[in-house]
PDB file of N, CA and C in Angstrom:
ATOM      1  N   UNK A   1      21.311  14.051  -7.026  1.00  0.00           N
ATOM      2  CA  UNK A   1      20.360  14.272  -5.943  1.00  0.00           C
ATOM      3  C   UNK A   1      19.119  13.402  -6.191  1.00  0.00           C
ATOM      4  N   UNK A   2      18.707  12.667  -5.183  1.00  0.00           N
ATOM      5  CA  UNK A   2      17.546  11.783  -5.333  1.00  0.00           C
ATOM      6  C   UNK A   2      16.248  12.594  -5.293  1.00  0.00           C
ATOM      7  N   UNK A   3      15.189  11.970  -5.737  1.00  0.00           N
ATOM      8  CA  UNK A   3      13.881  12.636  -5.696  1.00  0.00           C
ATOM      9  C   UNK A   3      13.491  12.978  -4.271  1.00  0.00           C
ATOM     10  N   UNK A   4      13.830  12.082  -3.337  1.00  0.00           N
ATOM     11  CA  UNK A   4      13.528  12.332  -1.919  1.00  0.00           C
ATOM     12  C   UNK A   4      14.257  13.596  -1.444  1.00  0.00           C
ATOM     13  N   UNK A   5      15.527  13.722  -1.834  1.00  0.00           N
ATOM     14  CA  UNK A   5      16.304  14.901  -1.449  1.00  0.00           C
ATOM     15  C   UNK A   5      15.725  16.180  -2.054  1.00  0.00           C
ATOM     16  N   UNK A   6      15.298  16.085  -3.296  1.00  0.00           N
ATOM     17  CA  UNK A   6      14.694  17.248  -3.964  1.00  0.00           C
ATOM     18  C   UNK A   6      13.399  17.654  -3.265  1.00  0.00           C
ATOM     19  N   UNK A   7      12.575  16.659  -2.934  1.00  0.00           N
ATOM     20  CA  UNK A   7      11.315  16.941  -2.244  1.00  0.00           C
ATOM     21  C   UNK A   7      11.585  17.584  -0.883  1.00  0.00           C
ATOM     22  N   UNK A   8      12.530  17.037  -0.140  1.00  0.00           N
ATOM     23  CA  UNK A   8      12.854  17.600   1.169  1.00  0.00           C
ATOM     24  C   UNK A   8      13.373  19.036   1.049  1.00  0.00           C
ATOM     25  N   UNK A   9      14.194  19.298   0.036  1.00  0.00           N
ATOM     26  CA  UNK A   9      14.695  20.661  -0.183  1.00  0.00           C
ATOM     27  C   UNK A   9      13.547  21.605  -0.507  1.00  0.00           C
ATOM     28  N   UNK A  10      12.605  21.143  -1.307  1.00  0.00           N
ATOM     29  CA  UNK A  10      11.446  21.975  -1.644  1.00  0.00           C
ATOM     30  C   UNK A  10      10.591  22.248  -0.413  1.00  0.00           C
ATOM     31  N   UNK A  11      10.391  21.223   0.403  1.00  0.00           N
ATOM     32  CA  UNK A  11       9.578  21.380   1.610  1.00  0.00           C
ATOM     33  C   UNK A  11      10.205  22.405   2.552  1.00  0.00           C
ATOM     34  N   UNK A  12      11.527  22.416   2.628  1.00  0.00           N
ATOM     35  CA  UNK A  12      12.215  23.375   3.496  1.00  0.00           C
ATOM     36  C   UNK A  12      11.939  24.820   3.085  1.00  0.00           C
ATOM     37  N   UNK A  13      11.562  25.007   1.841  1.00  0.00           N
ATOM     38  CA  UNK A  13      11.313  26.364   1.337  1.00  0.00           C
ATOM     39  C   UNK A  13       9.843  26.783   1.466  1.00  0.00           C
ATOM     40  N   UNK A  14       8.991  25.866   1.859  1.00  0.00           N
ATOM     41  CA  UNK A  14       7.564  26.161   1.971  1.00  0.00           C
ATOM     42  C   UNK A  14       7.305  26.942   3.265  1.00  0.00           C
ATOM     43  N   UNK A  15       6.459  27.947   3.206  1.00  0.00           N
ATOM     44  CA  UNK A  15       6.139  28.677   4.440  1.00  0.00           C
ATOM     45  C   UNK A  15       5.415  27.781   5.445  1.00  0.00           C
ATOM     46  N   UNK A  16       5.647  28.050   6.713  1.00  0.00           N
ATOM     47  CA  UNK A  16       5.033  27.239   7.773  1.00  0.00           C
ATOM     48  C   UNK A  16       3.520  27.152   7.631  1.00  0.00           C
ATOM     49  N   UNK A  17       2.912  28.190   7.111  1.00  0.00           N
ATOM     50  CA  UNK A  17       1.454  28.200   6.977  1.00  0.00           C
ATOM     51  C   UNK A  17       0.942  27.146   5.993  1.00  0.00           C
ATOM     52  N   UNK A  18       1.806  26.645   5.121  1.00  0.00           N
ATOM     53  CA  UNK A  18       1.394  25.642   4.129  1.00  0.00           C
ATOM     54  C   UNK A  18       1.785  24.222   4.524  1.00  0.00           C
ATOM     55  N   UNK A  19       2.511  24.070   5.609  1.00  0.00           N
ATOM     56  CA  UNK A  19       3.001  22.743   5.985  1.00  0.00           C
ATOM     57  C   UNK A  19       1.878  21.768   6.347  1.00  0.00           C
ATOM     58  N   UNK A  20       0.810  22.263   6.922  1.00  0.00           N
ATOM     59  CA  UNK A  20      -0.326  21.393   7.259  1.00  0.00           C
ATOM     60  C   UNK A  20      -0.906  20.758   5.993  1.00  0.00           C
ATOM     61  N   UNK A  21      -0.995  21.543   4.949  1.00  0.00           N
ATOM     62  CA  UNK A  21      -1.515  21.030   3.677  1.00  0.00           C
ATOM     63  C   UNK A  21      -0.567  19.997   3.068  1.00  0.00           C
ATOM     64  N   UNK A  22       0.723  20.244   3.175  1.00  0.00           N
ATOM     65  CA  UNK A  22       1.717  19.282   2.686  1.00  0.00           C
ATOM     66  C   UNK A  22       1.603  17.976   3.464  1.00  0.00           C
ATOM     67  N   UNK A  23       1.474  18.075   4.764  1.00  0.00           N
ATOM     68  CA  UNK A  23       1.331  16.887   5.604  1.00  0.00           C
ATOM     69  C   UNK A  23       0.065  16.107   5.250  1.00  0.00           C
ATOM     70  N   UNK A  24      -1.019  16.811   5.022  1.00  0.00           N
ATOM     71  CA  UNK A  24      -2.269  16.155   4.603  1.00  0.00           C
ATOM     72  C   UNK A  24      -2.070  15.388   3.299  1.00  0.00           C
ATOM     73  N   UNK A  25      -1.338  15.985   2.367  1.00  0.00           N
ATOM     74  CA  UNK A  25      -1.107  15.336   1.081  1.00  0.00           C
ATOM     75  C   UNK A  25      -0.228  14.097   1.249  1.00  0.00           C
ATOM     76  N   UNK A  26       0.788  14.178   2.097  1.00  0.00           N
ATOM     77  CA  UNK A  26       1.644  13.021   2.355  1.00  0.00           C
ATOM     78  C   UNK A  26       0.825  11.886   2.962  1.00  0.00           C
ATOM     79  N   UNK A  27      -0.059  12.214   3.905  1.00  0.00           N
ATOM     80  CA  UNK A  27      -0.927  11.193   4.494  1.00  0.00           C
ATOM     81  C   UNK A  27      -1.845  10.586   3.441  1.00  0.00           C
ATOM     82  N   UNK A  28      -2.375  11.412   2.560  1.00  0.00           N
ATOM     83  CA  UNK A  28      -3.219  10.925   1.468  1.00  0.00           C
ATOM     84  C   UNK A  28      -2.459   9.917   0.602  1.00  0.00           C
ATOM     85  N   UNK A  29      -1.220  10.236   0.255  1.00  0.00           N
ATOM     86  CA  UNK A  29      -0.428   9.338  -0.583  1.00  0.00           C
ATOM     87  C   UNK A  29      -0.146   8.013   0.122  1.00  0.00           C
ATOM     88  N   UNK A  30       0.126   8.059   1.424  1.00  0.00           N
ATOM     89  CA  UNK A  30       0.370   6.829   2.178  1.00  0.00           C
ATOM     90  C   UNK A  30      -0.876   5.963   2.207  1.00  0.00           C
ATOM     91  N   UNK A  31      -2.020   6.566   2.461  1.00  0.00           N
ATOM     92  CA  UNK A  31      -3.277   5.820   2.509  1.00  0.00           C
ATOM     93  C   UNK A  31      -3.603   5.230   1.138  1.00  0.00           C
ATOM     94  N   UNK A  32      -3.352   5.997   0.095  1.00  0.00           N
ATOM     95  CA  UNK A  32      -3.607   5.538  -1.269  1.00  0.00           C
ATOM     96  C   UNK A  32      -2.773   4.289  -1.575  1.00  0.00           C
ATOM     97  N   UNK A  33      -1.522   4.275  -1.141  1.00  0.00           N
ATOM     98  CA  UNK A  33      -0.643   3.134  -1.373  1.00  0.00           C
ATOM     99  C   UNK A  33      -1.133   1.908  -0.609  1.00  0.00           C
ATOM    100  N   UNK A  34      -1.504   2.088   0.644  1.00  0.00           N
ATOM    101  CA  UNK A  34      -1.997   0.975   1.453  1.00  0.00           C
ATOM    102  C   UNK A  34      -3.296   0.442   0.871  1.00  0.00           C
ATOM    103  N   UNK A  35      -4.176   1.333   0.452  1.00  0.00           N
ATOM    104  CA  UNK A  35      -5.457   0.918  -0.116  1.00  0.00           C
ATOM    105  C   UNK A  35      -5.256   0.102  -1.393  1.00  0.00           C
ATOM    106  N   UNK A  36      -4.325   0.534  -2.228  1.00  0.00           N
ATOM    107  CA  UNK A  36      -4.058  -0.188  -3.470  1.00  0.00           C
ATOM    108  C   UNK A  36      -3.524  -1.591  -3.177  1.00  0.00           C
ATOM    109  N   UNK A  37      -2.632  -1.696  -2.206  1.00  0.00           N
ATOM    110  CA  UNK A  37      -2.093  -2.994  -1.814  1.00  0.00           C
ATOM    111  C   UNK A  37      -3.193  -3.896  -1.272  1.00  0.00           C
ATOM    112  N   UNK A  38      -4.059  -3.330  -0.449  1.00  0.00           N
ATOM    113  CA  UNK A  38      -5.162  -4.097   0.122  1.00  0.00           C
ATOM    114  C   UNK A  38      -6.123  -4.574  -0.964  1.00  0.00           C
ATOM    115  N   UNK A  39      -6.440  -3.719  -1.915  1.00  0.00           N
ATOM    116  CA  UNK A  39      -7.338  -4.103  -3.006  1.00  0.00           C
ATOM    117  C   UNK A  39      -6.741  -5.239  -3.825  1.00  0.00           C
ATOM    118  N   UNK A  40      -5.434  -5.191  -4.071  1.00  0.00           N
ATOM    119  CA  UNK A  40      -4.767  -6.257  -4.817  1.00  0.00           C
ATOM    120  C   UNK A  40      -4.821  -7.566  -4.045  1.00  0.00           C
ATOM    121  N   UNK A  41      -4.610  -7.477  -2.746  1.00  0.00           N
ATOM    122  CA  UNK A  41      -4.663  -8.673  -1.901  1.00  0.00           C
ATOM    123  C   UNK A  41      -6.048  -9.293  -1.916  1.00  0.00           C
ATOM    124  N   UNK A  42      -7.059  -8.478  -1.794  1.00  0.00           N
ATOM    125  CA  UNK A  42      -8.442  -8.973  -1.800  1.00  0.00           C
ATOM    126  C   UNK A  42      -8.787  -9.592  -3.143  1.00  0.00           C
ATOM    127  N   UNK A  43      -8.361  -8.954  -4.227  1.00  0.00           N
ATOM    128  CA  UNK A  43      -8.641  -9.494  -5.560  1.00  0.00           C
ATOM    129  C   UNK A  43      -7.949 -10.846  -5.742  1.00  0.00           C
ATOM    130  N   UNK A  44      -6.727 -10.952  -5.264  1.00  0.00           N
ATOM    131  CA  UNK A  44      -6.001 -12.217  -5.368  1.00  0.00           C
ATOM    132  C   UNK A  44      -6.694 -13.305  -4.567  1.00  0.00           C
ATOM    133  N   UNK A  45      -7.144 -12.957  -3.375  1.00  0.00           N
ATOM    134  CA  UNK A  45      -7.797 -13.941  -2.516  1.00  0.00           C
ATOM    135  C   UNK A  45      -9.053 -14.490  -3.175  1.00  0.00           C
ATOM    136  N   UNK A  46      -9.867 -13.604  -3.741  1.00  0.00           N
ATOM    137  CA  UNK A  46     -11.117 -14.077  -4.332  1.00  0.00           C
ATOM    138  C   UNK A  46     -10.875 -14.942  -5.561  1.00  0.00           C
ATOM    139  N   UNK A  47      -9.812 -14.657  -6.320  1.00  0.00           N
ATOM    140  CA  UNK A  47      -9.545 -15.480  -7.499  1.00  0.00           C
ATOM    141  C   UNK A  47      -8.891 -16.810  -7.135  1.00  0.00           C
ATOM    142  N   UNK A  48      -8.133 -16.829  -6.038  1.00  0.00           N
ATOM    143  CA  UNK A  48      -7.484 -18.073  -5.620  1.00  0.00           C
ATOM    144  C   UNK A  48      -8.354 -18.928  -4.712  1.00  0.00           C
ATOM    145  N   UNK A  49      -9.384 -18.335  -4.150  1.00  0.00           N
ATOM    146  CA  UNK A  49     -10.226 -19.031  -3.177  1.00  0.00           C
ATOM    147  C   UNK A  49     -10.794 -20.333  -3.732  1.00  0.00           C
ATOM    148  N   UNK A  50     -11.189 -20.326  -4.990  1.00  0.00           N
ATOM    149  CA  UNK A  50     -11.789 -21.534  -5.566  1.00  0.00           C
ATOM    150  C   UNK A  50     -10.800 -22.701  -5.578  1.00  0.00           C
ATOM    151  N   UNK A  51      -9.502 -22.416  -5.740  1.00  0.00           N
ATOM    152  CA  UNK A  51      -8.500 -23.478  -5.685  1.00  0.00           C
ATOM    153  C   UNK A  51      -8.226 -23.899  -4.248  1.00  0.00           C
ATOM    154  N   UNK A  52      -8.239 -22.954  -3.322  1.00  0.00           N
ATOM    155  CA  UNK A  52      -7.970 -23.265  -1.924  1.00  0.00           C
ATOM    156  C   UNK A  52      -9.023 -24.181  -1.330  1.00  0.00           C
ATOM    157  N   UNK A  53     -10.237 -24.113  -1.831  1.00  0.00           N
ATOM    158  CA  UNK A  53     -11.330 -24.878  -1.242  1.00  0.00           C
ATOM    159  C   UNK A  53     -11.464 -26.285  -1.809  1.00  0.00           C
ATOM    160  N   UNK A  54     -10.556 -26.693  -2.682  1.00  0.00           N
ATOM    161  CA  UNK A  54     -10.614 -28.035  -3.270  1.00  0.00           C
ATOM    162  C   UNK A  54     -10.105 -29.063  -2.260  1.00  0.00           C
ATOM    163  N   UNK A  55     -10.686 -30.257  -2.273  1.00  0.00           N
ATOM    164  CA  UNK A  55     -10.218 -31.326  -1.377  1.00  0.00           C
ATOM    165  C   UNK A  55      -8.737 -31.660  -1.590  1.00  0.00           C
ATOM    166  N   UNK A  56      -8.254 -31.545  -2.818  1.00  0.00           N
ATOM    167  CA  UNK A  56      -6.849 -31.833  -3.106  1.00  0.00           C
ATOM    168  C   UNK A  56      -5.926 -30.892  -2.331  1.00  0.00           C
ATOM    169  N   UNK A  57      -6.347 -29.652  -2.172  1.00  0.00           N
ATOM    170  CA  UNK A  57      -5.558 -28.686  -1.415  1.00  0.00           C
ATOM    171  C   UNK A  57      -5.504 -29.072   0.058  1.00  0.00           C
ATOM    172  N   UNK A  58      -6.617 -29.499   0.591  1.00  0.00           N
ATOM    173  CA  UNK A  58      -6.648 -29.943   2.000  1.00  0.00           C
ATOM    174  C   UNK A  58      -5.690 -31.117   2.209  1.00  0.00           C
ATOM    175  N   UNK A  59      -5.679 -32.033   1.272  1.00  0.00           N
ATOM    176  CA  UNK A  59      -4.791 -33.181   1.384  1.00  0.00           C
ATOM    177  C   UNK A  59      -3.332 -32.752   1.280  1.00  0.00           C
ATOM    178  N   UNK A  60      -3.052 -31.848   0.390  1.00  0.00           N
ATOM    179  CA  UNK A  60      -1.672 -31.403   0.190  1.00  0.00           C
ATOM    180  C   UNK A  60      -1.109 -30.703   1.417  1.00  0.00           C
ATOM    181  N   UNK A  61      -1.941 -30.039   2.176  1.00  0.00           N
ATOM    182  CA  UNK A  61      -1.467 -29.238   3.311  1.00  0.00           C
ATOM    183  C   UNK A  61      -1.712 -29.903   4.675  1.00  0.00           C
ATOM    184  N   UNK A  62      -2.297 -31.079   4.692  1.00  0.00           N
ATOM    185  CA  UNK A  62      -2.695 -31.687   5.970  1.00  0.00           C
ATOM    186  C   UNK A  62      -1.517 -32.039   6.884  1.00  0.00           C
ATOM    187  N   UNK A  63      -0.339 -32.272   6.341  1.00  0.00           N
ATOM    188  CA  UNK A  63       0.802 -32.675   7.153  1.00  0.00           C
ATOM    189  C   UNK A  63       1.642 -31.482   7.644  1.00  0.00           C
ATOM    190  N   UNK A  64       1.249 -30.311   7.361  1.00  0.00           N
ATOM    191  CA  UNK A  64       2.034 -29.146   7.797  1.00  0.00           C
ATOM    192  C   UNK A  64       1.620 -28.652   9.151  1.00  0.00           C
TER     193      UNK A  64
END
């Protein structure tokens, strides 16, 4: 049984009154994942930016 299957089985046993809290937590986890990806992208951009702004880079990409 996969972790996803185990989680779904557990959720099926949760009372309806707690489902809103479970949904909030799932949304939190999704946002956390997107935020982490975005932070990594921004960090990469700032470290690579100095190379992108070199005249050699402009020449290398001018024919595309």
